[in-house]
Each structure stands twice: as C-alpha cells, then as structure tokens.
Amino acid sequence: MIRAESLIEQFRLRPFRPVRLVASEGLRYDIYHPDSVIVLERDIIIGMPQTDSGVFHKTVRVALVHLVAVEDLQPPPTVSSTADEA
C-alpha cells in the first residue's frame, strides 16, 4: 500500500514530474498535473481531463490499499512552432 503522505510529497515536487499510478487490478492512471488529484486519508480522487483545457469530464476514486506502484512518466510532447526553430 502506498501512503497518502508519500503521494502528497510526490505531487508537491517542483518541478512536477508526471507519474503513473498502478492499481492492484492492473489499471493505470497517468498524472500529468498535480491539480488533477486529491489525496485523502484512504483514497485518491483522480480527475480525468476531457481535453488539454484542464476541465475534467469525470473522476475516479481509488483506495490507497489498491495502489501498488508509482512509476515515472515522460512529460507529454509539446507542440513546437517553426518560429521557435528560426
């Protein structure tokens, strides 16, 4: 089981590093922004963004006893413009 305090420390790191939360049933939740989660004493609520707008279309609640791993992710690719390359 992953402790709530450990998750809070992970999400407070600056700069924030994206992570994947792995649950015991094999489900995976990619977290690209610390504001997309709420850590509770025994659960974590994960906001599922609809688009890059930051608006969530649903949330998922996962019991911390079911989290088995926190894996580092690469940041999402950014769109570069040709003006930046000139």
N, C-alpha and C. Protein backbone atom coordinates (compact mmCIF):
# COMPACT_ATOMS: atom_id res chain seq x y z
N MET A 1 0.85 -1.19 0.00
CA MET A 1 0.00 0.00 0.00
C MET A 1 0.88 1.24 0.00
N ILE A 2 0.49 2.22 -0.77
CA ILE A 2 1.20 3.49 -0.82
C ILE A 2 0.53 4.46 0.14
N ARG A 3 1.33 5.11 0.95
CA ARG A 3 0.81 6.01 1.97
C ARG A 3 0.40 7.35 1.37
N ALA A 4 -0.62 7.96 1.95
CA ALA A 4 -1.11 9.27 1.49
C ALA A 4 0.01 10.31 1.56
N GLU A 5 0.81 10.28 2.61
CA GLU A 5 1.89 11.25 2.77
C GLU A 5 2.92 11.14 1.65
N SER A 6 3.19 9.92 1.20
CA SER A 6 4.13 9.71 0.09
C SER A 6 3.60 10.31 -1.20
N LEU A 7 2.30 10.14 -1.44
CA LEU A 7 1.70 10.71 -2.64
C LEU A 7 1.72 12.23 -2.60
N ILE A 8 1.40 12.79 -1.45
CA ILE A 8 1.41 14.25 -1.31
C ILE A 8 2.81 14.79 -1.58
N GLU A 9 3.84 14.14 -1.04
CA GLU A 9 5.22 14.56 -1.32
C GLU A 9 5.51 14.50 -2.81
N GLN A 10 5.08 13.44 -3.47
CA GLN A 10 5.31 13.27 -4.91
C GLN A 10 4.65 14.40 -5.69
N PHE A 11 3.42 14.76 -5.34
CA PHE A 11 2.69 15.77 -6.09
C PHE A 11 3.14 17.20 -5.77
N ARG A 12 3.89 17.38 -4.68
CA ARG A 12 4.40 18.71 -4.33
C ARG A 12 5.79 18.98 -4.89
N LEU A 13 6.41 17.99 -5.51
CA LEU A 13 7.74 18.20 -6.08
C LEU A 13 7.69 19.31 -7.13
N ARG A 14 8.71 20.16 -7.13
CA ARG A 14 8.83 21.21 -8.14
C ARG A 14 10.20 21.12 -8.76
N PRO A 15 10.31 21.04 -10.05
CA PRO A 15 9.17 20.97 -10.95
C PRO A 15 8.46 19.63 -10.83
N PHE A 16 7.16 19.65 -11.09
CA PHE A 16 6.37 18.43 -11.00
C PHE A 16 6.82 17.45 -12.07
N ARG A 17 6.92 16.19 -11.68
CA ARG A 17 7.27 15.12 -12.63
C ARG A 17 6.06 14.22 -12.81
N PRO A 18 5.60 14.03 -14.05
CA PRO A 18 4.44 13.17 -14.30
C PRO A 18 4.68 11.75 -13.81
N VAL A 19 3.61 11.13 -13.30
CA VAL A 19 3.71 9.76 -12.77
C VAL A 19 2.55 8.92 -13.26
N ARG A 20 2.74 7.63 -13.19
CA ARG A 20 1.68 6.67 -13.47
C ARG A 20 1.40 5.93 -12.16
N LEU A 21 0.14 5.94 -11.73
CA LEU A 21 -0.29 5.17 -10.57
C LEU A 21 -0.79 3.83 -11.06
N VAL A 22 -0.29 2.76 -10.48
CA VAL A 22 -0.67 1.41 -10.89
C VAL A 22 -1.47 0.78 -9.76
N ALA A 23 -2.67 0.31 -10.09
CA ALA A 23 -3.55 -0.32 -9.10
C ALA A 23 -3.42 -1.84 -9.17
N SER A 24 -3.80 -2.50 -8.10
CA SER A 24 -3.63 -3.95 -7.97
C SER A 24 -4.36 -4.72 -9.06
N GLU A 25 -5.46 -4.20 -9.58
CA GLU A 25 -6.20 -4.92 -10.62
C GLU A 25 -5.64 -4.64 -12.01
N GLY A 26 -4.50 -3.94 -12.07
CA GLY A 26 -3.83 -3.69 -13.34
C GLY A 26 -4.18 -2.37 -14.00
N LEU A 27 -5.13 -1.64 -13.43
CA LEU A 27 -5.47 -0.33 -14.00
C LEU A 27 -4.33 0.65 -13.78
N ARG A 28 -4.16 1.57 -14.74
CA ARG A 28 -3.09 2.56 -14.68
C ARG A 28 -3.70 3.95 -14.87
N TYR A 29 -3.20 4.90 -14.08
CA TYR A 29 -3.69 6.27 -14.14
C TYR A 29 -2.50 7.20 -14.32
N ASP A 30 -2.44 7.88 -15.46
CA ASP A 30 -1.35 8.80 -15.75
C ASP A 30 -1.70 10.18 -15.21
N ILE A 31 -0.80 10.72 -14.41
CA ILE A 31 -0.99 12.03 -13.79
C ILE A 31 0.03 12.99 -14.38
N TYR A 32 -0.45 13.97 -15.16
CA TYR A 32 0.43 14.94 -15.79
C TYR A 32 0.42 16.30 -15.11
N HIS A 33 -0.50 16.49 -14.15
CA HIS A 33 -0.55 17.77 -13.43
C HIS A 33 -1.01 17.50 -12.00
N PRO A 34 -0.34 18.09 -11.02
CA PRO A 34 -0.71 17.80 -9.61
C PRO A 34 -2.11 18.25 -9.23
N ASP A 35 -2.68 19.20 -9.96
CA ASP A 35 -4.03 19.66 -9.64
C ASP A 35 -5.11 18.68 -10.08
N SER A 36 -4.73 17.60 -10.74
CA SER A 36 -5.73 16.63 -11.19
C SER A 36 -6.00 15.55 -10.15
N VAL A 37 -5.39 15.67 -8.96
CA VAL A 37 -5.61 14.68 -7.91
C VAL A 37 -5.96 15.34 -6.59
N ILE A 38 -6.73 14.62 -5.81
CA ILE A 38 -7.00 14.98 -4.41
C ILE A 38 -6.64 13.75 -3.59
N VAL A 39 -5.69 13.92 -2.68
CA VAL A 39 -5.26 12.81 -1.84
C VAL A 39 -6.03 12.88 -0.53
N LEU A 40 -6.75 11.80 -0.24
CA LEU A 40 -7.48 11.67 1.02
C LEU A 40 -6.73 10.70 1.93
N GLU A 41 -7.22 10.52 3.13
CA GLU A 41 -6.54 9.64 4.08
C GLU A 41 -6.43 8.20 3.57
N ARG A 42 -7.49 7.70 2.93
CA ARG A 42 -7.50 6.31 2.47
C ARG A 42 -7.76 6.14 0.97
N ASP A 43 -7.98 7.24 0.28
CA ASP A 43 -8.32 7.20 -1.15
C ASP A 43 -7.59 8.31 -1.89
N ILE A 44 -7.61 8.20 -3.20
CA ILE A 44 -7.17 9.28 -4.06
C ILE A 44 -8.25 9.48 -5.11
N ILE A 45 -8.58 10.73 -5.38
CA ILE A 45 -9.54 11.07 -6.41
C ILE A 45 -8.75 11.63 -7.58
N ILE A 46 -8.95 11.05 -8.75
CA ILE A 46 -8.20 11.43 -9.95
C ILE A 46 -9.17 12.03 -10.96
N GLY A 47 -8.90 13.26 -11.37
CA GLY A 47 -9.70 13.91 -12.39
C GLY A 47 -9.24 13.46 -13.77
N MET A 48 -10.18 13.09 -14.61
CA MET A 48 -9.89 12.66 -15.97
C MET A 48 -10.20 13.81 -16.92
N PRO A 49 -9.16 14.44 -17.47
CA PRO A 49 -9.41 15.60 -18.33
C PRO A 49 -10.04 15.21 -19.66
N GLN A 50 -10.94 16.05 -20.11
CA GLN A 50 -11.60 15.82 -21.40
C GLN A 50 -10.66 16.21 -22.54
N THR A 51 -9.98 17.33 -22.37
CA THR A 51 -9.03 17.82 -23.37
C THR A 51 -7.89 18.50 -22.61
N ASP A 52 -7.05 19.21 -23.32
CA ASP A 52 -5.98 19.96 -22.67
C ASP A 52 -6.48 21.20 -21.96
N SER A 53 -7.78 21.45 -21.97
CA SER A 53 -8.34 22.64 -21.32
C SER A 53 -8.24 22.56 -19.80
N GLY A 54 -8.02 21.37 -19.26
CA GLY A 54 -7.98 21.22 -17.82
C GLY A 54 -9.33 20.95 -17.19
N VAL A 55 -10.38 20.88 -17.99
CA VAL A 55 -11.72 20.59 -17.49
C VAL A 55 -11.87 19.07 -17.41
N PHE A 56 -12.30 18.59 -16.26
CA PHE A 56 -12.46 17.15 -16.07
C PHE A 56 -13.86 16.72 -16.49
N HIS A 57 -13.95 15.61 -17.21
CA HIS A 57 -15.26 15.10 -17.59
C HIS A 57 -15.72 14.00 -16.65
N LYS A 58 -14.82 13.47 -15.83
CA LYS A 58 -15.20 12.51 -14.80
C LYS A 58 -14.06 12.38 -13.80
N THR A 59 -14.37 11.76 -12.68
CA THR A 59 -13.35 11.46 -11.67
C THR A 59 -13.39 9.98 -11.35
N VAL A 60 -12.27 9.49 -10.85
CA VAL A 60 -12.15 8.11 -10.42
C VAL A 60 -11.64 8.14 -8.99
N ARG A 61 -12.24 7.34 -8.14
CA ARG A 61 -11.79 7.24 -6.75
C ARG A 61 -11.15 5.87 -6.57
N VAL A 62 -9.90 5.87 -6.09
CA VAL A 62 -9.14 4.63 -5.92
C VAL A 62 -8.70 4.54 -4.46
N ALA A 63 -8.96 3.41 -3.83
CA ALA A 63 -8.50 3.19 -2.46
C ALA A 63 -6.98 3.02 -2.47
N LEU A 64 -6.30 3.69 -1.53
CA LEU A 64 -4.84 3.62 -1.48
C LEU A 64 -4.33 2.20 -1.28
N VAL A 65 -5.13 1.34 -0.63
CA VAL A 65 -4.70 -0.05 -0.44
C VAL A 65 -4.56 -0.79 -1.76
N HIS A 66 -5.18 -0.25 -2.83
CA HIS A 66 -5.11 -0.90 -4.13
C HIS A 66 -3.98 -0.35 -5.01
N LEU A 67 -3.31 0.72 -4.56
CA LEU A 67 -2.18 1.23 -5.33
C LEU A 67 -0.94 0.41 -5.01
N VAL A 68 -0.31 -0.11 -6.06
CA VAL A 68 0.86 -0.97 -5.86
C VAL A 68 2.15 -0.36 -6.36
N ALA A 69 2.07 0.69 -7.19
CA ALA A 69 3.30 1.30 -7.71
C ALA A 69 3.04 2.72 -8.18
N VAL A 70 4.11 3.51 -8.11
CA VAL A 70 4.15 4.85 -8.69
C VAL A 70 5.34 4.84 -9.63
N GLU A 71 5.07 5.02 -10.92
CA GLU A 71 6.13 4.98 -11.94
C GLU A 71 6.32 6.36 -12.55
N ASP A 72 7.56 6.71 -12.85
CA ASP A 72 7.84 7.97 -13.53
C ASP A 72 7.38 7.90 -14.97
N LEU A 73 6.86 9.01 -15.48
CA LEU A 73 6.45 9.14 -16.88
C LEU A 73 7.26 10.25 -17.53
N GLN A 74 7.36 10.18 -18.83
CA GLN A 74 7.95 11.29 -19.58
C GLN A 74 6.88 12.38 -19.71
N PRO A 75 7.29 13.64 -19.68
CA PRO A 75 6.30 14.70 -19.90
C PRO A 75 5.66 14.54 -21.27
N PRO A 76 4.40 14.99 -21.41
CA PRO A 76 3.75 14.87 -22.72
C PRO A 76 4.50 15.71 -23.74
N PRO A 77 4.52 15.29 -25.00
CA PRO A 77 5.23 16.08 -26.00
C PRO A 77 4.58 17.44 -26.18
N THR A 78 5.43 18.44 -26.40
CA THR A 78 4.92 19.78 -26.64
C THR A 78 4.94 20.07 -28.12
N VAL A 79 4.05 20.92 -28.53
CA VAL A 79 3.97 21.29 -29.94
C VAL A 79 4.95 22.44 -30.15
N SER A 80 5.90 22.24 -31.06
CA SER A 80 6.84 23.31 -31.35
C SER A 80 6.44 24.00 -32.65
N SER A 81 6.62 25.28 -32.68
CA SER A 81 6.28 26.03 -33.89
C SER A 81 7.54 26.29 -34.69
N THR A 82 7.38 26.56 -35.96
CA THR A 82 8.53 26.81 -36.81
C THR A 82 9.19 28.13 -36.43
N ALA A 83 8.45 29.05 -35.80
CA ALA A 83 9.04 30.32 -35.37
C ALA A 83 10.09 30.10 -34.29
N ASP A 84 9.90 29.07 -33.45
CA ASP A 84 10.88 28.76 -32.41
C ASP A 84 12.16 28.23 -33.00
N GLU A 85 12.08 27.61 -34.16
CA GLU A 85 13.24 26.97 -34.77
C GLU A 85 14.06 27.95 -35.60
N ALA A 86 13.50 29.10 -35.93
CA ALA A 86 14.20 30.05 -36.80
C ALA A 86 15.30 30.79 -36.08
